[in-house]
N, C-alpha and C. Protein backbone atom coordinates (compact mmCIF):
# COMPACT_ATOMS: atom_id res chain seq x y z
N MET A 1 14.63 52.14 -9.69
CA MET A 1 14.48 50.71 -9.62
C MET A 1 13.21 50.35 -8.84
N LEU A 2 12.97 51.02 -7.73
CA LEU A 2 11.78 50.74 -6.93
C LEU A 2 10.51 51.05 -7.70
N ALA A 3 10.52 52.11 -8.49
CA ALA A 3 9.32 52.52 -9.22
C ALA A 3 8.87 51.45 -10.21
N ARG A 4 9.76 50.57 -10.65
CA ARG A 4 9.38 49.51 -11.58
C ARG A 4 8.92 48.25 -10.87
N HIS A 5 9.08 48.19 -9.57
CA HIS A 5 8.71 47.00 -8.82
C HIS A 5 7.19 46.82 -8.84
N ARG A 6 6.73 45.61 -9.04
CA ARG A 6 5.30 45.32 -9.18
C ARG A 6 4.49 45.71 -7.94
N GLU A 7 5.00 45.40 -6.75
CA GLU A 7 4.26 45.73 -5.53
C GLU A 7 4.18 47.24 -5.33
N TYR A 8 5.24 47.96 -5.66
CA TYR A 8 5.22 49.42 -5.56
C TYR A 8 4.17 50.00 -6.50
N GLN A 9 4.11 49.49 -7.72
CA GLN A 9 3.13 49.96 -8.68
C GLN A 9 1.71 49.68 -8.19
N TRP A 10 1.50 48.51 -7.58
CA TRP A 10 0.18 48.18 -7.05
C TRP A 10 -0.19 49.13 -5.92
N ARG A 11 0.73 49.37 -5.00
CA ARG A 11 0.45 50.28 -3.87
C ARG A 11 0.21 51.71 -4.35
N LYS A 12 0.96 52.14 -5.35
CA LYS A 12 0.76 53.48 -5.90
C LYS A 12 -0.62 53.59 -6.54
N ALA A 13 -1.01 52.57 -7.29
CA ALA A 13 -2.34 52.58 -7.91
C ALA A 13 -3.43 52.54 -6.84
N GLU A 14 -3.23 51.75 -5.80
CA GLU A 14 -4.22 51.67 -4.73
C GLU A 14 -4.33 53.00 -3.98
N LEU A 15 -3.21 53.66 -3.75
CA LEU A 15 -3.23 54.97 -3.11
C LEU A 15 -3.99 55.96 -3.97
N GLY A 16 -3.74 55.95 -5.26
CA GLY A 16 -4.46 56.82 -6.18
C GLY A 16 -5.95 56.56 -6.16
N ARG A 17 -6.34 55.29 -6.08
CA ARG A 17 -7.76 54.93 -6.01
C ARG A 17 -8.38 55.43 -4.71
N LEU A 18 -7.69 55.21 -3.60
CA LEU A 18 -8.22 55.64 -2.30
C LEU A 18 -8.35 57.15 -2.20
N LEU A 19 -7.41 57.86 -2.81
CA LEU A 19 -7.45 59.32 -2.80
C LEU A 19 -8.35 59.89 -3.89
N GLN A 20 -8.91 59.00 -4.71
CA GLN A 20 -9.79 59.38 -5.81
C GLN A 20 -9.11 60.38 -6.75
N LEU A 21 -7.87 60.06 -7.11
CA LEU A 21 -7.12 60.93 -8.01
C LEU A 21 -7.60 60.75 -9.44
N GLY A 22 -7.73 61.84 -10.13
CA GLY A 22 -8.11 61.82 -11.53
C GLY A 22 -6.89 61.74 -12.42
N PRO A 23 -7.10 61.64 -13.73
CA PRO A 23 -5.96 61.53 -14.65
C PRO A 23 -5.06 62.78 -14.66
N GLU A 24 -5.61 63.94 -14.31
CA GLU A 24 -4.81 65.16 -14.31
C GLU A 24 -4.11 65.40 -12.97
N ASP A 25 -4.44 64.60 -11.97
CA ASP A 25 -3.84 64.75 -10.64
C ASP A 25 -2.49 64.05 -10.59
N ILE A 26 -1.66 64.50 -9.67
CA ILE A 26 -0.33 63.92 -9.47
C ILE A 26 -0.40 63.01 -8.25
N ASN A 27 0.04 61.78 -8.41
CA ASN A 27 0.09 60.87 -7.28
C ASN A 27 1.16 61.37 -6.32
N PRO A 28 0.87 61.44 -5.00
CA PRO A 28 1.88 61.92 -4.06
C PRO A 28 3.19 61.13 -4.09
N LEU A 29 3.13 59.87 -4.50
CA LEU A 29 4.35 59.07 -4.58
C LEU A 29 5.20 59.47 -5.78
N ASP A 30 4.62 60.17 -6.75
CA ASP A 30 5.35 60.63 -7.93
C ASP A 30 5.73 62.10 -7.85
N LEU A 31 5.55 62.71 -6.70
CA LEU A 31 5.78 64.14 -6.54
C LEU A 31 7.25 64.49 -6.79
N ASN A 32 7.47 65.44 -7.66
CA ASN A 32 8.82 65.95 -7.94
C ASN A 32 9.00 67.23 -7.13
N VAL A 33 9.71 67.14 -6.02
CA VAL A 33 9.86 68.30 -5.14
C VAL A 33 10.77 69.36 -5.75
N ASP A 34 11.51 69.01 -6.78
CA ASP A 34 12.40 69.96 -7.44
C ASP A 34 11.76 70.59 -8.67
N GLN A 35 10.47 70.43 -8.80
CA GLN A 35 9.75 70.97 -9.97
C GLN A 35 9.95 72.47 -10.08
N GLU A 36 10.26 72.92 -11.27
CA GLU A 36 10.39 74.35 -11.52
C GLU A 36 9.29 74.76 -12.50
N TRP A 37 8.69 75.92 -12.26
CA TRP A 37 7.60 76.41 -13.08
C TRP A 37 8.06 77.64 -13.86
N GLU A 38 7.62 77.71 -15.11
CA GLU A 38 8.01 78.84 -15.94
C GLU A 38 7.25 80.11 -15.57
N ASN A 39 5.99 79.96 -15.17
CA ASN A 39 5.23 81.13 -14.74
C ASN A 39 4.24 80.73 -13.65
N ALA A 40 3.74 81.70 -12.93
CA ALA A 40 2.85 81.44 -11.80
C ALA A 40 1.44 81.04 -12.23
N ASP A 41 1.12 81.16 -13.50
CA ASP A 41 -0.21 80.83 -13.99
C ASP A 41 -0.30 79.41 -14.57
N ASP A 42 0.75 78.65 -14.43
CA ASP A 42 0.77 77.29 -14.98
C ASP A 42 -0.33 76.46 -14.32
N PRO A 43 -1.20 75.80 -15.10
CA PRO A 43 -2.29 75.02 -14.51
C PRO A 43 -1.81 73.80 -13.71
N GLY A 44 -0.58 73.36 -13.95
CA GLY A 44 -0.05 72.22 -13.21
C GLY A 44 0.29 72.54 -11.77
N ILE A 45 0.37 73.81 -11.43
CA ILE A 45 0.73 74.20 -10.07
C ILE A 45 -0.32 73.73 -9.07
N LYS A 46 -1.58 73.84 -9.43
CA LYS A 46 -2.66 73.42 -8.52
C LYS A 46 -2.55 71.92 -8.22
N ALA A 47 -2.34 71.10 -9.25
CA ALA A 47 -2.19 69.66 -9.05
C ALA A 47 -0.94 69.36 -8.24
N TRP A 48 0.15 70.10 -8.49
CA TRP A 48 1.38 69.88 -7.75
C TRP A 48 1.19 70.23 -6.28
N ARG A 49 0.52 71.36 -6.00
CA ARG A 49 0.27 71.75 -4.60
C ARG A 49 -0.59 70.73 -3.88
N GLN A 50 -1.61 70.21 -4.57
CA GLN A 50 -2.47 69.19 -3.97
C GLN A 50 -1.65 67.94 -3.64
N ALA A 51 -0.80 67.52 -4.57
CA ALA A 51 0.04 66.35 -4.33
C ALA A 51 1.02 66.62 -3.19
N ALA A 52 1.57 67.84 -3.11
CA ALA A 52 2.50 68.17 -2.02
C ALA A 52 1.79 68.12 -0.67
N GLU A 53 0.56 68.64 -0.61
CA GLU A 53 -0.21 68.60 0.63
C GLU A 53 -0.53 67.15 1.03
N LEU A 54 -0.93 66.34 0.06
CA LEU A 54 -1.21 64.93 0.35
C LEU A 54 0.04 64.21 0.79
N ARG A 55 1.17 64.50 0.16
CA ARG A 55 2.43 63.86 0.55
C ARG A 55 2.83 64.24 1.96
N TRP A 56 2.63 65.52 2.32
CA TRP A 56 2.94 65.97 3.68
C TRP A 56 2.07 65.24 4.68
N ARG A 57 0.78 65.10 4.37
CA ARG A 57 -0.13 64.41 5.28
C ARG A 57 0.22 62.93 5.40
N LEU A 58 0.61 62.29 4.30
CA LEU A 58 1.03 60.89 4.36
C LEU A 58 2.30 60.73 5.18
N ASP A 59 3.27 61.61 4.97
CA ASP A 59 4.51 61.54 5.74
C ASP A 59 4.24 61.76 7.22
N ARG A 60 3.37 62.70 7.53
CA ARG A 60 3.02 62.99 8.93
C ARG A 60 2.35 61.77 9.58
N ALA A 61 1.41 61.14 8.87
CA ALA A 61 0.74 59.95 9.39
C ALA A 61 1.73 58.82 9.59
N HIS A 62 2.69 58.69 8.67
CA HIS A 62 3.71 57.65 8.80
C HIS A 62 4.58 57.89 10.04
N LEU A 63 4.99 59.13 10.24
CA LEU A 63 5.78 59.45 11.43
C LEU A 63 4.97 59.24 12.72
N ASP A 64 3.71 59.60 12.69
CA ASP A 64 2.85 59.38 13.86
C ASP A 64 2.77 57.89 14.18
N LEU A 65 2.72 57.06 13.15
CA LEU A 65 2.67 55.62 13.36
C LEU A 65 3.98 55.12 13.96
N ILE A 66 5.10 55.60 13.41
CA ILE A 66 6.40 55.16 13.90
C ILE A 66 6.65 55.67 15.32
N LEU A 67 6.29 56.91 15.58
CA LEU A 67 6.56 57.54 16.88
C LEU A 67 5.30 57.53 17.75
N TRP A 68 4.62 56.39 17.81
CA TRP A 68 3.35 56.29 18.53
C TRP A 68 3.46 56.69 19.99
N TRP A 69 4.61 56.48 20.62
CA TRP A 69 4.75 56.80 22.03
C TRP A 69 4.77 58.30 22.30
N ARG A 70 5.00 59.12 21.27
CA ARG A 70 5.02 60.56 21.45
C ARG A 70 3.64 61.19 21.30
N ALA A 71 2.67 60.39 20.90
CA ALA A 71 1.31 60.92 20.71
C ALA A 71 0.71 61.28 22.08
N PRO A 72 -0.10 62.31 22.11
CA PRO A 72 -0.74 62.66 23.39
C PRO A 72 -1.69 61.55 23.82
N LEU A 73 -1.80 61.39 25.11
CA LEU A 73 -2.69 60.37 25.64
C LEU A 73 -4.14 60.75 25.36
N PRO A 74 -4.95 59.76 25.00
CA PRO A 74 -6.36 60.08 24.76
C PRO A 74 -7.03 60.50 26.07
N VAL A 75 -7.92 61.42 25.96
CA VAL A 75 -8.63 61.92 27.14
C VAL A 75 -9.83 61.02 27.40
N GLN A 76 -9.95 60.60 28.65
CA GLN A 76 -11.09 59.79 29.04
C GLN A 76 -11.87 60.53 30.10
N ILE A 77 -13.15 60.56 29.94
CA ILE A 77 -14.01 61.18 30.94
C ILE A 77 -14.70 60.05 31.69
N VAL A 78 -14.47 60.04 32.98
CA VAL A 78 -15.05 59.00 33.82
C VAL A 78 -16.04 59.67 34.77
N LYS A 79 -17.26 59.18 34.77
CA LYS A 79 -18.28 59.73 35.63
C LYS A 79 -18.31 58.97 36.94
N HIS A 80 -18.15 59.71 38.03
CA HIS A 80 -18.23 59.14 39.36
C HIS A 80 -19.53 59.54 40.00
N ASP A 81 -20.21 58.60 40.60
CA ASP A 81 -21.47 58.92 41.32
C ASP A 81 -21.21 59.22 42.76
């Protein structure tokens, strides 16, 4: 149901544009984690792995945003005379 929502489709298209995904690439939002491959030489594996890596990075960034208080404090160098 969500996949048919207009705003979801817009965000998915915008994500694809920002990631510069080509027509043969898999959008990380469309990633099928239960994908089964018939053989290890399938050309779709490379696109699937790229989408999985991008999805992991997106999920990690989302968690970092939500759990901002757990982030390490930025290091500041202060020069004293």
